[in-house]
N, C-alpha and C. Protein backbone atom coordinates (compact mmCIF):
# COMPACT_ATOMS: atom_id res chain seq x y z
N MET A 1 46.17 20.15 -94.94
CA MET A 1 46.75 19.20 -94.01
C MET A 1 48.22 19.58 -93.77
N ASN A 2 48.70 19.11 -92.65
CA ASN A 2 50.07 19.37 -92.27
C ASN A 2 51.01 18.52 -93.14
N GLN A 3 52.06 19.14 -93.68
CA GLN A 3 52.97 18.44 -94.60
C GLN A 3 53.69 17.26 -93.91
N SER A 4 54.08 17.45 -92.63
CA SER A 4 54.76 16.37 -91.95
C SER A 4 53.83 15.19 -91.68
N PHE A 5 52.55 15.45 -91.48
CA PHE A 5 51.54 14.36 -91.30
C PHE A 5 51.44 13.54 -92.57
N VAL A 6 51.38 14.23 -93.76
CA VAL A 6 51.26 13.56 -95.02
C VAL A 6 52.51 12.71 -95.27
N LEU A 7 53.67 13.26 -94.99
CA LEU A 7 54.92 12.52 -95.22
C LEU A 7 54.96 11.31 -94.28
N GLY A 8 54.50 11.47 -93.06
CA GLY A 8 54.49 10.34 -92.12
C GLY A 8 53.58 9.23 -92.57
N MET A 9 52.37 9.60 -93.04
CA MET A 9 51.40 8.61 -93.52
C MET A 9 51.92 7.95 -94.76
N THR A 10 52.65 8.66 -95.64
CA THR A 10 53.25 8.10 -96.84
C THR A 10 54.28 7.09 -96.48
N ALA A 11 55.13 7.37 -95.50
CA ALA A 11 56.13 6.40 -95.06
C ALA A 11 55.50 5.18 -94.41
N LEU A 12 54.43 5.39 -93.68
CA LEU A 12 53.73 4.27 -93.06
C LEU A 12 53.11 3.35 -94.13
N GLY A 13 52.49 3.94 -95.12
CA GLY A 13 51.91 3.19 -96.22
C GLY A 13 52.97 2.45 -97.04
N ALA A 14 54.09 3.09 -97.23
CA ALA A 14 55.21 2.43 -97.96
C ALA A 14 55.73 1.20 -97.16
N GLY A 15 55.82 1.36 -95.87
CA GLY A 15 56.28 0.23 -95.04
C GLY A 15 55.29 -0.93 -95.08
N ILE A 16 54.01 -0.62 -95.05
CA ILE A 16 53.03 -1.67 -95.08
C ILE A 16 53.04 -2.36 -96.47
N ALA A 17 53.21 -1.58 -97.53
CA ALA A 17 53.28 -2.15 -98.89
C ALA A 17 54.52 -3.04 -99.05
N ALA A 18 55.61 -2.66 -98.37
CA ALA A 18 56.86 -3.44 -98.46
C ALA A 18 56.71 -4.80 -97.80
N LEU A 19 55.74 -4.97 -96.97
CA LEU A 19 55.53 -6.28 -96.28
C LEU A 19 55.13 -7.34 -97.28
N ALA A 20 54.74 -6.96 -98.48
CA ALA A 20 54.44 -7.97 -99.51
C ALA A 20 55.71 -8.70 -99.92
N CYS A 21 56.86 -8.10 -99.80
CA CYS A 21 58.07 -8.76 -100.14
C CYS A 21 58.38 -9.90 -99.16
N ILE A 22 58.00 -9.74 -97.93
CA ILE A 22 58.18 -10.81 -96.95
C ILE A 22 57.30 -12.00 -97.30
N GLY A 23 56.05 -11.71 -97.65
CA GLY A 23 55.13 -12.79 -98.06
C GLY A 23 55.58 -13.52 -99.27
N GLY A 24 56.12 -12.80 -100.26
CA GLY A 24 56.67 -13.47 -101.46
C GLY A 24 57.82 -14.40 -101.13
N GLY A 25 58.71 -13.95 -100.23
CA GLY A 25 59.83 -14.80 -99.86
C GLY A 25 59.39 -16.05 -99.11
N ILE A 26 58.45 -15.90 -98.20
CA ILE A 26 57.94 -17.05 -97.44
C ILE A 26 57.23 -18.02 -98.36
N GLY A 27 56.42 -17.50 -99.25
CA GLY A 27 55.69 -18.35 -100.20
C GLY A 27 56.63 -19.13 -101.14
N THR A 28 57.60 -18.48 -101.63
CA THR A 28 58.56 -19.14 -102.53
C THR A 28 59.39 -20.18 -101.79
N GLY A 29 59.75 -19.85 -100.54
CA GLY A 29 60.50 -20.84 -99.75
C GLY A 29 59.70 -22.06 -99.42
N ASN A 30 58.44 -21.88 -99.04
CA ASN A 30 57.58 -23.04 -98.78
C ASN A 30 57.38 -23.90 -100.04
N ALA A 31 57.13 -23.24 -101.15
CA ALA A 31 56.93 -23.99 -102.39
C ALA A 31 58.18 -24.76 -102.81
N THR A 32 59.33 -24.16 -102.67
CA THR A 32 60.56 -24.86 -103.02
C THR A 32 60.81 -26.06 -102.12
N GLY A 33 60.56 -25.88 -100.80
CA GLY A 33 60.71 -27.00 -99.90
C GLY A 33 59.79 -28.16 -100.22
N LYS A 34 58.56 -27.87 -100.57
CA LYS A 34 57.59 -28.96 -100.91
C LYS A 34 57.96 -29.58 -102.25
N ALA A 35 58.50 -28.79 -103.17
CA ALA A 35 58.92 -29.37 -104.47
C ALA A 35 60.07 -30.30 -104.31
N VAL A 36 61.07 -29.94 -103.46
CA VAL A 36 62.22 -30.82 -103.21
C VAL A 36 61.75 -32.11 -102.54
N GLU A 37 60.84 -31.95 -101.61
CA GLU A 37 60.26 -33.11 -100.93
C GLU A 37 59.52 -34.03 -101.88
N SER A 38 58.79 -33.43 -102.82
CA SER A 38 58.06 -34.26 -103.77
C SER A 38 59.01 -34.95 -104.75
N ILE A 39 60.07 -34.25 -105.18
CA ILE A 39 60.99 -34.88 -106.12
C ILE A 39 61.72 -36.01 -105.42
N SER A 40 62.01 -35.87 -104.11
CA SER A 40 62.69 -36.95 -103.44
C SER A 40 61.81 -38.19 -103.31
N ARG A 41 60.53 -37.98 -103.26
CA ARG A 41 59.60 -39.16 -103.16
C ARG A 41 59.30 -39.73 -104.50
N GLN A 42 59.18 -38.93 -105.57
CA GLN A 42 58.86 -39.41 -106.89
C GLN A 42 59.79 -38.76 -107.91
N PRO A 43 61.01 -39.27 -108.04
CA PRO A 43 61.95 -38.67 -108.99
C PRO A 43 61.51 -38.72 -110.43
N GLU A 44 60.64 -39.66 -110.80
CA GLU A 44 60.15 -39.74 -112.18
C GLU A 44 59.22 -38.61 -112.54
N ALA A 45 58.69 -37.93 -111.56
CA ALA A 45 57.75 -36.81 -111.83
C ALA A 45 58.43 -35.47 -111.68
N SER A 46 59.76 -35.43 -111.70
CA SER A 46 60.45 -34.19 -111.42
C SER A 46 60.21 -33.11 -112.45
N ASP A 47 59.98 -33.52 -113.73
CA ASP A 47 59.73 -32.48 -114.79
C ASP A 47 58.43 -31.76 -114.49
N LYS A 48 57.38 -32.49 -114.19
CA LYS A 48 56.09 -31.87 -113.89
C LYS A 48 56.14 -30.99 -112.65
N ILE A 49 56.84 -31.48 -111.64
CA ILE A 49 56.98 -30.75 -110.39
C ILE A 49 57.76 -29.42 -110.61
N MET A 50 58.80 -29.51 -111.38
CA MET A 50 59.63 -28.32 -111.66
C MET A 50 58.86 -27.26 -112.46
N LYS A 51 58.07 -27.70 -113.45
CA LYS A 51 57.24 -26.79 -114.20
C LYS A 51 56.26 -26.03 -113.27
N ALA A 52 55.60 -26.77 -112.41
CA ALA A 52 54.65 -26.15 -111.50
C ALA A 52 55.35 -25.23 -110.52
N LEU A 53 56.56 -25.61 -110.08
CA LEU A 53 57.35 -24.78 -109.17
C LEU A 53 57.72 -23.44 -109.81
N ILE A 54 58.13 -23.51 -111.06
CA ILE A 54 58.57 -22.27 -111.72
C ILE A 54 57.40 -21.33 -111.93
N VAL A 55 56.23 -21.85 -112.36
CA VAL A 55 55.08 -20.98 -112.56
C VAL A 55 54.64 -20.42 -111.21
N GLY A 56 54.54 -21.21 -110.18
CA GLY A 56 54.16 -20.73 -108.85
C GLY A 56 55.14 -19.73 -108.30
N GLY A 57 56.40 -19.99 -108.47
CA GLY A 57 57.43 -19.06 -108.00
C GLY A 57 57.37 -17.72 -108.67
N ALA A 58 57.10 -17.75 -109.98
CA ALA A 58 56.97 -16.52 -110.76
C ALA A 58 55.77 -15.67 -110.25
N LEU A 59 54.67 -16.34 -109.99
CA LEU A 59 53.49 -15.63 -109.50
C LEU A 59 53.78 -15.06 -108.09
N SER A 60 54.43 -15.82 -107.26
CA SER A 60 54.72 -15.40 -105.90
C SER A 60 55.65 -14.19 -105.91
N GLU A 61 56.65 -14.21 -106.73
CA GLU A 61 57.63 -13.11 -106.81
C GLU A 61 57.03 -11.91 -107.50
N ALA A 62 56.09 -12.11 -108.42
CA ALA A 62 55.42 -10.97 -109.06
C ALA A 62 54.62 -10.17 -108.01
N THR A 63 53.99 -10.90 -107.08
CA THR A 63 53.29 -10.21 -106.01
C THR A 63 54.22 -9.36 -105.14
N ALA A 64 55.37 -9.92 -104.83
CA ALA A 64 56.36 -9.18 -104.05
C ALA A 64 56.89 -7.94 -104.81
N ILE A 65 57.04 -8.09 -106.10
CA ILE A 65 57.53 -6.93 -106.91
C ILE A 65 56.46 -5.85 -106.95
N TYR A 66 55.22 -6.24 -107.08
CA TYR A 66 54.12 -5.24 -107.10
C TYR A 66 54.11 -4.50 -105.74
N GLY A 67 54.31 -5.21 -104.64
CA GLY A 67 54.33 -4.52 -103.33
C GLY A 67 55.50 -3.56 -103.25
N LEU A 68 56.65 -3.97 -103.74
CA LEU A 68 57.80 -3.10 -103.74
C LEU A 68 57.60 -1.89 -104.65
N LEU A 69 56.99 -2.09 -105.79
CA LEU A 69 56.66 -0.97 -106.67
C LEU A 69 55.71 0.04 -106.01
N VAL A 70 54.71 -0.43 -105.35
CA VAL A 70 53.78 0.44 -104.67
C VAL A 70 54.51 1.22 -103.59
N ALA A 71 55.35 0.56 -102.82
CA ALA A 71 56.11 1.27 -101.76
C ALA A 71 57.01 2.32 -102.36
N LEU A 72 57.72 2.02 -103.42
CA LEU A 72 58.58 3.01 -104.05
C LEU A 72 57.79 4.20 -104.63
N LEU A 73 56.66 3.91 -105.21
CA LEU A 73 55.83 5.00 -105.77
C LEU A 73 55.26 5.88 -104.65
N LEU A 74 54.92 5.29 -103.53
CA LEU A 74 54.45 6.09 -102.42
C LEU A 74 55.54 7.02 -101.89
N ILE A 75 56.77 6.49 -101.83
CA ILE A 75 57.86 7.28 -101.33
C ILE A 75 58.24 8.40 -102.31
N ILE A 76 58.32 8.05 -103.61
CA ILE A 76 58.74 9.03 -104.63
C ILE A 76 57.70 10.11 -104.84
N LEU A 77 56.42 9.70 -104.91
CA LEU A 77 55.38 10.70 -105.22
C LEU A 77 54.95 11.44 -103.95
N GLY A 78 55.25 10.91 -102.76
CA GLY A 78 54.88 11.56 -101.54
C GLY A 78 55.83 12.63 -101.09
N VAL A 79 57.02 12.72 -101.73
CA VAL A 79 58.04 13.67 -101.30
C VAL A 79 58.03 14.89 -102.16
N LYS A 80 56.88 15.48 -102.41
CA LYS A 80 56.80 16.65 -103.33
C LYS A 80 57.34 17.87 -102.65
């Protein structure tokens, strides 16, 4: 295969994998907004809401980090 074709496809794949970071940011933002809304309606349940928010945020950001890791690996390993 042509080397420039492989490098181009590697860059395209890395760009698509980096889109996971956008999804993680949107998901965390939506979850935080709903948590603030829930706490304003039921302040006595703020401890339970915050625990669920932290677990959900961690899972959301882990997905974004995995996408970033895949993008970086594609770039690093594709530039032989």
